[in-house]
């Protein structure tokens, strides 16, 4: 049986980040079935990064995707992991996309909340001031409320504090 282009795309996304493997077997399906929502200015750039993965997939595989609509949470998280890898690129270990992805998943505390609640918290920015308790980038010493600044600046503060 021939695999549908959308399923091939989802498998391709998983292949970018699958190791070491999910602690929650429903993670990828839930992330695919949830749209990434944003309301903070410039977070549309992170959604666009996710949407750009569709074009990359089409170029690399010569498979045309149907109109898939909004950026999914899976695309957002994979694209953000790629951005993190590019930002702190290590010539000795150039492909750490998977490592970044699983660090983000761990920061979301998937063992503490159900997946629907996790993605609702993230989309609604219902995490704590410091980015903890369900945010992507928990900080020890935040300079400002992480719920009110764009994801890019949250990421940069997290990398500064943790590298």
C-alpha atoms as a PDB file:
ATOM      1  CA  UNK A   1       0.000   0.000   0.000  1.00  0.00           C
ATOM      2  CA  UNK A   2       1.301   3.435  -0.972  1.00  0.00           C
ATOM      3  CA  UNK A   3       1.853   5.898   1.880  1.00  0.00           C
ATOM      4  CA  UNK A   4       0.036   9.239   1.592  1.00  0.00           C
ATOM      5  CA  UNK A   5       2.225  12.336   1.147  1.00  0.00           C
ATOM      6  CA  UNK A   6       1.103  13.725   4.509  1.00  0.00           C
ATOM      7  CA  UNK A   7       2.107  10.529   6.317  1.00  0.00           C
ATOM      8  CA  UNK A   8       5.464  10.535   4.539  1.00  0.00           C
ATOM      9  CA  UNK A   9       5.959  14.134   5.658  1.00  0.00           C
ATOM     10  CA  UNK A  10       5.133  13.306   9.279  1.00  0.00           C
ATOM     11  CA  UNK A  11       7.582  10.386   9.164  1.00  0.00           C
ATOM     12  CA  UNK A  12      10.206  12.697   7.654  1.00  0.00           C
ATOM     13  CA  UNK A  13       9.690  15.189  10.521  1.00  0.00           C
ATOM     14  CA  UNK A  14       9.981  12.369  13.038  1.00  0.00           C
ATOM     15  CA  UNK A  15      13.166  11.230  11.373  1.00  0.00           C
ATOM     16  CA  UNK A  16      14.727  14.628  12.049  1.00  0.00           C
ATOM     17  CA  UNK A  17      14.196  14.292  15.806  1.00  0.00           C
ATOM     18  CA  UNK A  18      13.236  10.745  16.724  1.00  0.00           C
ATOM     19  CA  UNK A  19      16.260   9.753  18.748  1.00  0.00           C
ATOM     20  CA  UNK A  20      16.365   9.086  21.686  1.00  0.00           C
ATOM     21  CA  UNK A  21      12.632   8.409  21.436  1.00  0.00           C
ATOM     22  CA  UNK A  22       9.481   9.643  23.090  1.00  0.00           C
ATOM     23  CA  UNK A  23       8.628   8.928  26.677  1.00  0.00           C
ATOM     24  CA  UNK A  24       5.015   9.496  25.634  1.00  0.00           C
ATOM     25  CA  UNK A  25       4.073   7.312  22.647  1.00  0.00           C
ATOM     26  CA  UNK A  26       1.330   9.757  21.583  1.00  0.00           C
ATOM     27  CA  UNK A  27       3.608  12.787  21.448  1.00  0.00           C
ATOM     28  CA  UNK A  28       4.075  12.983  17.688  1.00  0.00           C
ATOM     29  CA  UNK A  29       0.411  12.395  16.850  1.00  0.00           C
ATOM     30  CA  UNK A  30      -0.761  14.961  19.397  1.00  0.00           C
ATOM     31  CA  UNK A  31       1.821  17.504  18.218  1.00  0.00           C
ATOM     32  CA  UNK A  32       0.781  16.953  14.602  1.00  0.00           C
ATOM     33  CA  UNK A  33      -2.924  17.329  15.421  1.00  0.00           C
ATOM     34  CA  UNK A  34      -2.452  20.598  17.345  1.00  0.00           C
ATOM     35  CA  UNK A  35      -1.923  23.930  15.617  1.00  0.00           C
ATOM     36  CA  UNK A  36       0.781  26.241  16.866  1.00  0.00           C
ATOM     37  CA  UNK A  37      -1.020  29.413  17.914  1.00  0.00           C
ATOM     38  CA  UNK A  38       0.655  32.711  18.651  1.00  0.00           C
ATOM     39  CA  UNK A  39      -0.331  36.202  19.671  1.00  0.00           C
ATOM     40  CA  UNK A  40       2.947  37.772  20.723  1.00  0.00           C
ATOM     41  CA  UNK A  41       4.414  39.978  17.967  1.00  0.00           C
ATOM     42  CA  UNK A  42       7.012  38.257  15.790  1.00  0.00           C
ATOM     43  CA  UNK A  43       6.106  34.733  16.884  1.00  0.00           C
ATOM     44  CA  UNK A  44       4.670  34.419  13.394  1.00  0.00           C
ATOM     45  CA  UNK A  45       8.320  33.989  12.374  1.00  0.00           C
ATOM     46  CA  UNK A  46       8.506  30.750  14.345  1.00  0.00           C
ATOM     47  CA  UNK A  47       5.287  29.562  12.686  1.00  0.00           C
ATOM     48  CA  UNK A  48       6.804  30.412   9.310  1.00  0.00           C
ATOM     49  CA  UNK A  49       9.890  28.377  10.186  1.00  0.00           C
ATOM     50  CA  UNK A  50       7.567  25.424  10.760  1.00  0.00           C
ATOM     51  CA  UNK A  51       5.733  25.999   7.492  1.00  0.00           C
ATOM     52  CA  UNK A  52       9.060  26.269   5.668  1.00  0.00           C
ATOM     53  CA  UNK A  53       9.758  22.646   6.590  1.00  0.00           C
ATOM     54  CA  UNK A  54       7.051  21.684   4.096  1.00  0.00           C
ATOM     55  CA  UNK A  55       9.024  23.247   1.260  1.00  0.00           C
ATOM     56  CA  UNK A  56      12.227  21.618   2.460  1.00  0.00           C
ATOM     57  CA  UNK A  57      10.475  18.241   2.487  1.00  0.00           C
ATOM     58  CA  UNK A  58       9.160  18.774  -1.041  1.00  0.00           C
ATOM     59  CA  UNK A  59      12.621  19.789  -2.319  1.00  0.00           C
ATOM     60  CA  UNK A  60      14.362  16.845  -0.649  1.00  0.00           C
ATOM     61  CA  UNK A  61      11.821  14.188  -1.613  1.00  0.00           C
ATOM     62  CA  UNK A  62      10.158  15.562  -4.789  1.00  0.00           C
ATOM     63  CA  UNK A  63       6.821  14.771  -3.114  1.00  0.00           C
ATOM     64  CA  UNK A  64       4.147  17.466  -3.347  1.00  0.00           C
ATOM     65  CA  UNK A  65       2.145  18.009  -0.187  1.00  0.00           C
ATOM     66  CA  UNK A  66      -1.510  18.999  -0.154  1.00  0.00           C
ATOM     67  CA  UNK A  67      -2.507  22.216   1.590  1.00  0.00           C
ATOM     68  CA  UNK A  68      -1.939  21.316   5.246  1.00  0.00           C
ATOM     69  CA  UNK A  69      -3.183  24.581   6.751  1.00  0.00           C
ATOM     70  CA  UNK A  70      -1.623  26.220   9.770  1.00  0.00           C
ATOM     71  CA  UNK A  71       1.719  25.338  11.280  1.00  0.00           C
ATOM     72  CA  UNK A  72       1.377  22.344  13.570  1.00  0.00           C
ATOM     73  CA  UNK A  73       2.938  22.079  16.994  1.00  0.00           C
ATOM     74  CA  UNK A  74       5.172  19.309  15.623  1.00  0.00           C
ATOM     75  CA  UNK A  75       6.453  21.546  12.827  1.00  0.00           C
ATOM     76  CA  UNK A  76       6.962  24.422  15.273  1.00  0.00           C
ATOM     77  CA  UNK A  77       8.978  22.275  17.697  1.00  0.00           C
ATOM     78  CA  UNK A  78      11.100  20.669  14.981  1.00  0.00           C
ATOM     79  CA  UNK A  79      11.802  24.028  13.331  1.00  0.00           C
ATOM     80  CA  UNK A  80      12.661  25.594  16.689  1.00  0.00           C
ATOM     81  CA  UNK A  81      15.071  22.727  17.372  1.00  0.00           C
ATOM     82  CA  UNK A  82      16.725  23.364  14.019  1.00  0.00           C
ATOM     83  CA  UNK A  83      17.051  27.074  14.883  1.00  0.00           C
ATOM     84  CA  UNK A  84      18.623  26.198  18.217  1.00  0.00           C
ATOM     85  CA  UNK A  85      21.073  23.870  16.483  1.00  0.00           C
ATOM     86  CA  UNK A  86      22.005  26.616  14.015  1.00  0.00           C
ATOM     87  CA  UNK A  87      22.357  29.213  16.773  1.00  0.00           C
ATOM     88  CA  UNK A  88      24.802  27.178  18.854  1.00  0.00           C
ATOM     89  CA  UNK A  89      26.302  25.162  16.029  1.00  0.00           C
ATOM     90  CA  UNK A  90      29.033  22.750  17.124  1.00  0.00           C
ATOM     91  CA  UNK A  91      31.460  21.790  14.357  1.00  0.00           C
ATOM     92  CA  UNK A  92      32.434  18.669  16.317  1.00  0.00           C
ATOM     93  CA  UNK A  93      28.797  17.543  16.571  1.00  0.00           C
ATOM     94  CA  UNK A  94      26.900  19.420  13.853  1.00  0.00           C
ATOM     95  CA  UNK A  95      23.527  17.665  14.071  1.00  0.00           C
ATOM     96  CA  UNK A  96      22.107  18.184  17.537  1.00  0.00           C
ATOM     97  CA  UNK A  97      18.577  18.889  16.318  1.00  0.00           C
ATOM     98  CA  UNK A  98      17.272  15.757  18.005  1.00  0.00           C
ATOM     99  CA  UNK A  99      18.965  16.687  21.281  1.00  0.00           C
ATOM    100  CA  UNK A 100      17.396  20.154  21.237  1.00  0.00           C
ATOM    101  CA  UNK A 101      13.983  18.728  20.378  1.00  0.00           C
ATOM    102  CA  UNK A 102      14.038  16.354  23.337  1.00  0.00           C
ATOM    103  CA  UNK A 103      15.275  19.100  25.646  1.00  0.00           C
ATOM    104  CA  UNK A 104      12.267  21.207  24.609  1.00  0.00           C
ATOM    105  CA  UNK A 105       9.945  18.250  25.177  1.00  0.00           C
ATOM    106  CA  UNK A 106      11.479  17.701  28.612  1.00  0.00           C
ATOM    107  CA  UNK A 107      11.015  21.403  29.422  1.00  0.00           C
ATOM    108  CA  UNK A 108       7.330  21.067  28.536  1.00  0.00           C
ATOM    109  CA  UNK A 109       7.085  18.494  31.341  1.00  0.00           C
ATOM    110  CA  UNK A 110       5.246  15.857  29.329  1.00  0.00           C
ATOM    111  CA  UNK A 111       5.386  13.467  32.264  1.00  0.00           C
ATOM    112  CA  UNK A 112       3.510  15.953  34.439  1.00  0.00           C
ATOM    113  CA  UNK A 113       0.632  17.020  32.182  1.00  0.00           C
ATOM    114  CA  UNK A 114      -1.428  15.376  29.474  1.00  0.00           C
ATOM    115  CA  UNK A 115      -0.446  16.342  25.937  1.00  0.00           C
ATOM    116  CA  UNK A 116      -3.557  18.380  25.201  1.00  0.00           C
ATOM    117  CA  UNK A 117      -2.997  20.414  28.362  1.00  0.00           C
ATOM    118  CA  UNK A 118       0.690  20.872  27.524  1.00  0.00           C
ATOM    119  CA  UNK A 119      -0.049  22.324  24.109  1.00  0.00           C
ATOM    120  CA  UNK A 120      -2.884  24.491  25.469  1.00  0.00           C
ATOM    121  CA  UNK A 121      -0.531  25.865  28.130  1.00  0.00           C
ATOM    122  CA  UNK A 122       2.119  26.578  25.532  1.00  0.00           C
ATOM    123  CA  UNK A 123      -0.241  28.168  22.996  1.00  0.00           C
ATOM    124  CA  UNK A 124      -1.987  30.229  25.684  1.00  0.00           C
ATOM    125  CA  UNK A 125       1.254  31.041  27.488  1.00  0.00           C
ATOM    126  CA  UNK A 126      -0.193  29.718  30.727  1.00  0.00           C
ATOM    127  CA  UNK A 127       3.222  28.839  32.107  1.00  0.00           C
ATOM    128  CA  UNK A 128       5.003  30.714  34.873  1.00  0.00           C
ATOM    129  CA  UNK A 129       6.695  34.117  34.725  1.00  0.00           C
ATOM    130  CA  UNK A 130      10.094  32.407  34.464  1.00  0.00           C
ATOM    131  CA  UNK A 131       8.988  30.088  31.634  1.00  0.00           C
ATOM    132  CA  UNK A 132       8.718  27.110  33.964  1.00  0.00           C
ATOM    133  CA  UNK A 133       5.732  24.912  34.643  1.00  0.00           C
ATOM    134  CA  UNK A 134       4.984  24.194  31.001  1.00  0.00           C
ATOM    135  CA  UNK A 135       7.075  26.641  28.975  1.00  0.00           C
ATOM    136  CA  UNK A 136       9.765  25.743  26.470  1.00  0.00           C
ATOM    137  CA  UNK A 137      12.511  27.795  28.075  1.00  0.00           C
ATOM    138  CA  UNK A 138      12.448  27.822  31.884  1.00  0.00           C
ATOM    139  CA  UNK A 139      14.920  30.291  33.368  1.00  0.00           C
ATOM    140  CA  UNK A 140      16.554  30.585  36.771  1.00  0.00           C
ATOM    141  CA  UNK A 141      16.893  34.368  36.535  1.00  0.00           C
ATOM    142  CA  UNK A 142      14.423  35.855  34.053  1.00  0.00           C
ATOM    143  CA  UNK A 143      14.818  39.544  33.252  1.00  0.00           C
ATOM    144  CA  UNK A 144      11.203  39.840  32.163  1.00  0.00           C
ATOM    145  CA  UNK A 145       7.949  37.919  32.068  1.00  0.00           C
ATOM    146  CA  UNK A 146       8.563  35.084  29.610  1.00  0.00           C
ATOM    147  CA  UNK A 147       4.859  34.924  28.779  1.00  0.00           C
ATOM    148  CA  UNK A 148       5.045  38.355  27.176  1.00  0.00           C
ATOM    149  CA  UNK A 149       8.132  38.110  24.982  1.00  0.00           C
ATOM    150  CA  UNK A 150       8.546  36.368  21.669  1.00  0.00           C
ATOM    151  CA  UNK A 151       9.779  32.799  21.545  1.00  0.00           C
ATOM    152  CA  UNK A 152      13.042  33.857  19.856  1.00  0.00           C
ATOM    153  CA  UNK A 153      14.041  36.022  22.830  1.00  0.00           C
ATOM    154  CA  UNK A 154      12.961  33.330  25.286  1.00  0.00           C
ATOM    155  CA  UNK A 155      15.216  30.926  23.419  1.00  0.00           C
ATOM    156  CA  UNK A 156      18.157  33.328  23.452  1.00  0.00           C
ATOM    157  CA  UNK A 157      17.805  33.949  27.206  1.00  0.00           C
ATOM    158  CA  UNK A 158      17.615  30.189  27.794  1.00  0.00           C
ATOM    159  CA  UNK A 159      20.727  29.528  25.727  1.00  0.00           C
ATOM    160  CA  UNK A 160      22.640  32.328  27.503  1.00  0.00           C
ATOM    161  CA  UNK A 161      21.694  30.909  30.872  1.00  0.00           C
ATOM    162  CA  UNK A 162      22.355  27.269  30.031  1.00  0.00           C
ATOM    163  CA  UNK A 163      25.448  27.248  27.813  1.00  0.00           C
END
